[in-house]
Amino acid sequence: MAQQVQVLLVDDMQGGTAEETVPFSIDGTSYEIDLNAENAEELRAAIMPFVESARKVRSAKSTGNRRRNRPSQNRQRTADIRAWAKQQGKEVNDRGRIPASIVAEYEAAH
């Protein structure tokens, strides 16, 4: 059995048919709005003076995997916490996240 799904965009400002979804961000929050051509043009015209004076920022997605750039100091600290926890008879995995309670105990002991 075949299915056909049709998505109809409705202009979020005036109702009626929208031609596109316009993504934008402000104050650290991303938004999308479905607009007809006229409203999309109006939105772009309204923010253009600000865009022209602004500077572009790389998104977190484009900067790559941050874990890969973790300093070796953090890896050594994690290894030290694991070793200390095992010496104390605490159950801790060889990989993955160390429970916050164990980290807090380690910090209190050191």
C-alpha atoms as a PDB file:
ATOM      1  CA  MET A   1       0.000   0.000   0.000  1.00  0.00           C
ATOM      2  CA  ALA A   2       1.407   3.388  -0.964  1.00  0.00           C
ATOM      3  CA  GLN A   3       1.147   6.537   1.053  1.00  0.00           C
ATOM      4  CA  GLN A   4       1.554  10.120   0.006  1.00  0.00           C
ATOM      5  CA  VAL A   5       2.249  12.750   2.635  1.00  0.00           C
ATOM      6  CA  GLN A   6       1.798  16.374   1.713  1.00  0.00           C
ATOM      7  CA  VAL A   7       3.064  19.223   3.885  1.00  0.00           C
ATOM      8  CA  LEU A   8       1.334  22.546   3.394  1.00  0.00           C
ATOM      9  CA  LEU A   9       3.029  25.631   4.785  1.00  0.00           C
ATOM     10  CA  VAL A  10       0.752  28.275   6.257  1.00  0.00           C
ATOM     11  CA  ASP A  11       2.027  31.828   6.676  1.00  0.00           C
ATOM     12  CA  ASP A  12       2.477  32.306  10.420  1.00  0.00           C
ATOM     13  CA  MET A  13       1.827  36.042  10.195  1.00  0.00           C
ATOM     14  CA  GLN A  14      -1.255  36.336   7.994  1.00  0.00           C
ATOM     15  CA  GLY A  15      -2.483  32.830   7.304  1.00  0.00           C
ATOM     16  CA  GLY A  16      -2.745  31.708   3.717  1.00  0.00           C
ATOM     17  CA  THR A  17      -0.103  29.809   1.786  1.00  0.00           C
ATOM     18  CA  ALA A  18       3.542  30.186   2.789  1.00  0.00           C
ATOM     19  CA  GLU A  19       6.366  29.687   0.283  1.00  0.00           C
ATOM     20  CA  GLU A  20       9.241  29.080   2.680  1.00  0.00           C
ATOM     21  CA  THR A  21      10.398  28.459   6.216  1.00  0.00           C
ATOM     22  CA  VAL A  22      12.787  31.173   7.382  1.00  0.00           C
ATOM     23  CA  PRO A  23      15.181  30.242  10.207  1.00  0.00           C
ATOM     24  CA  PHE A  24      16.656  32.955  12.452  1.00  0.00           C
ATOM     25  CA  SER A  25      18.255  33.300  15.879  1.00  0.00           C
ATOM     26  CA  ILE A  26      18.325  36.002  18.500  1.00  0.00           C
ATOM     27  CA  ASP A  27      19.566  36.050  22.087  1.00  0.00           C
ATOM     28  CA  GLY A  28      20.825  32.480  21.780  1.00  0.00           C
ATOM     29  CA  THR A  29      17.482  31.022  20.739  1.00  0.00           C
ATOM     30  CA  SER A  30      16.787  29.683  17.243  1.00  0.00           C
ATOM     31  CA  TYR A  31      13.421  30.124  15.577  1.00  0.00           C
ATOM     32  CA  GLU A  32      11.678  29.153  12.347  1.00  0.00           C
ATOM     33  CA  ILE A  33       8.740  30.906  10.784  1.00  0.00           C
ATOM     34  CA  ASP A  34       6.717  29.943   7.715  1.00  0.00           C
ATOM     35  CA  LEU A  35       6.135  32.953   5.481  1.00  0.00           C
ATOM     36  CA  ASN A  36       4.822  33.895   2.065  1.00  0.00           C
ATOM     37  CA  ALA A  37       7.275  35.645  -0.269  1.00  0.00           C
ATOM     38  CA  GLU A  38       6.149  39.145   0.717  1.00  0.00           C
ATOM     39  CA  ASN A  39       6.466  38.554   4.455  1.00  0.00           C
ATOM     40  CA  ALA A  40       9.817  36.778   4.034  1.00  0.00           C
ATOM     41  CA  GLU A  41      11.128  39.780   2.108  1.00  0.00           C
ATOM     42  CA  GLU A  42       9.780  42.133   4.785  1.00  0.00           C
ATOM     43  CA  LEU A  43      11.495  40.148   7.565  1.00  0.00           C
ATOM     44  CA  ARG A  44      14.818  40.130   5.719  1.00  0.00           C
ATOM     45  CA  ALA A  45      14.568  43.860   4.967  1.00  0.00           C
ATOM     46  CA  ALA A  46      13.803  44.626   8.615  1.00  0.00           C
ATOM     47  CA  ILE A  47      16.840  42.805   9.998  1.00  0.00           C
ATOM     48  CA  MET A  48      19.278  43.650   7.172  1.00  0.00           C
ATOM     49  CA  PRO A  49      20.661  46.822   8.837  1.00  0.00           C
ATOM     50  CA  PHE A  50      21.568  44.713  11.868  1.00  0.00           C
ATOM     51  CA  VAL A  51      23.015  41.867   9.772  1.00  0.00           C
ATOM     52  CA  GLU A  52      25.205  44.298   7.844  1.00  0.00           C
ATOM     53  CA  SER A  53      26.699  45.625  11.087  1.00  0.00           C
ATOM     54  CA  ALA A  54      27.036  42.228  12.761  1.00  0.00           C
ATOM     55  CA  ARG A  55      29.821  39.657  12.588  1.00  0.00           C
ATOM     56  CA  LYS A  56      29.312  35.979  11.751  1.00  0.00           C
ATOM     57  CA  VAL A  57      29.803  33.391  14.461  1.00  0.00           C
ATOM     58  CA  ARG A  58      30.550  29.737  13.954  1.00  0.00           C
ATOM     59  CA  SER A  59      27.855  27.455  15.253  1.00  0.00           C
ATOM     60  CA  ALA A  60      28.672  24.637  17.663  1.00  0.00           C
ATOM     61  CA  LYS A  61      27.941  22.170  14.854  1.00  0.00           C
ATOM     62  CA  SER A  62      30.634  23.626  12.611  1.00  0.00           C
ATOM     63  CA  THR A  63      33.377  23.666  15.239  1.00  0.00           C
ATOM     64  CA  GLY A  64      33.618  19.877  15.295  1.00  0.00           C
ATOM     65  CA  ASN A  65      33.627  17.462  18.158  1.00  0.00           C
ATOM     66  CA  ARG A  66      34.735  19.315  21.275  1.00  0.00           C
ATOM     67  CA  ARG A  67      35.576  16.107  23.138  1.00  0.00           C
ATOM     68  CA  ARG A  68      38.375  15.497  20.678  1.00  0.00           C
ATOM     69  CA  ASN A  69      40.022  18.728  21.861  1.00  0.00           C
ATOM     70  CA  ARG A  70      39.896  17.880  25.563  1.00  0.00           C
ATOM     71  CA  PRO A  71      43.214  18.746  27.225  1.00  0.00           C
ATOM     72  CA  SER A  72      45.327  15.855  28.452  1.00  0.00           C
ATOM     73  CA  GLN A  73      45.110  17.332  31.965  1.00  0.00           C
ATOM     74  CA  ASN A  74      41.424  16.396  32.113  1.00  0.00           C
ATOM     75  CA  ARG A  75      42.183  12.833  30.997  1.00  0.00           C
ATOM     76  CA  GLN A  76      44.869  12.542  33.656  1.00  0.00           C
ATOM     77  CA  ARG A  77      42.532  13.912  36.327  1.00  0.00           C
ATOM     78  CA  THR A  78      39.862  11.415  35.304  1.00  0.00           C
ATOM     79  CA  ALA A  79      42.397   8.578  35.508  1.00  0.00           C
ATOM     80  CA  ASP A  80      43.493   9.796  38.956  1.00  0.00           C
ATOM     81  CA  ILE A  81      39.881   9.895  40.193  1.00  0.00           C
ATOM     82  CA  ARG A  82      39.230   6.368  38.904  1.00  0.00           C
ATOM     83  CA  ALA A  83      42.395   5.024  40.536  1.00  0.00           C
ATOM     84  CA  TRP A  84      41.563   6.734  43.838  1.00  0.00           C
ATOM     85  CA  ALA A  85      37.976   5.428  43.767  1.00  0.00           C
ATOM     86  CA  LYS A  86      39.159   1.846  43.163  1.00  0.00           C
ATOM     87  CA  GLN A  87      41.659   2.152  46.044  1.00  0.00           C
ATOM     88  CA  GLN A  88      38.781   3.288  48.261  1.00  0.00           C
ATOM     89  CA  GLY A  89      36.750   0.215  47.239  1.00  0.00           C
ATOM     90  CA  LYS A  90      34.250   2.235  45.244  1.00  0.00           C
ATOM     91  CA  GLU A  91      32.674   0.774  42.144  1.00  0.00           C
ATOM     92  CA  VAL A  92      33.622   2.807  39.090  1.00  0.00           C
ATOM     93  CA  ASN A  93      33.648   1.837  35.412  1.00  0.00           C
ATOM     94  CA  ASP A  94      36.866   1.887  33.407  1.00  0.00           C
ATOM     95  CA  ARG A  95      35.204   4.092  30.799  1.00  0.00           C
ATOM     96  CA  GLY A  96      32.447   6.642  30.661  1.00  0.00           C
ATOM     97  CA  ARG A  97      31.250   9.251  33.069  1.00  0.00           C
ATOM     98  CA  ILE A  98      32.329   9.145  36.696  1.00  0.00           C
ATOM     99  CA  PRO A  99      29.422   9.676  39.112  1.00  0.00           C
ATOM    100  CA  ALA A 100      29.366  13.187  40.577  1.00  0.00           C
ATOM    101  CA  SER A 101      29.300  11.783  44.099  1.00  0.00           C
ATOM    102  CA  ILE A 102      32.641  10.041  43.548  1.00  0.00           C
ATOM    103  CA  VAL A 103      34.163  13.185  42.013  1.00  0.00           C
ATOM    104  CA  ALA A 104      32.939  15.204  45.017  1.00  0.00           C
ATOM    105  CA  GLU A 105      34.450  12.664  47.453  1.00  0.00           C
ATOM    106  CA  TYR A 106      37.743  12.775  45.531  1.00  0.00           C
ATOM    107  CA  GLU A 107      37.817  16.585  45.625  1.00  0.00           C
ATOM    108  CA  ALA A 108      37.027  16.599  49.359  1.00  0.00           C
ATOM    109  CA  ALA A 109      39.855  14.129  50.001  1.00  0.00           C
ATOM    110  CA  HIS A 110      42.360  16.165  48.017  1.00  0.00           C
END
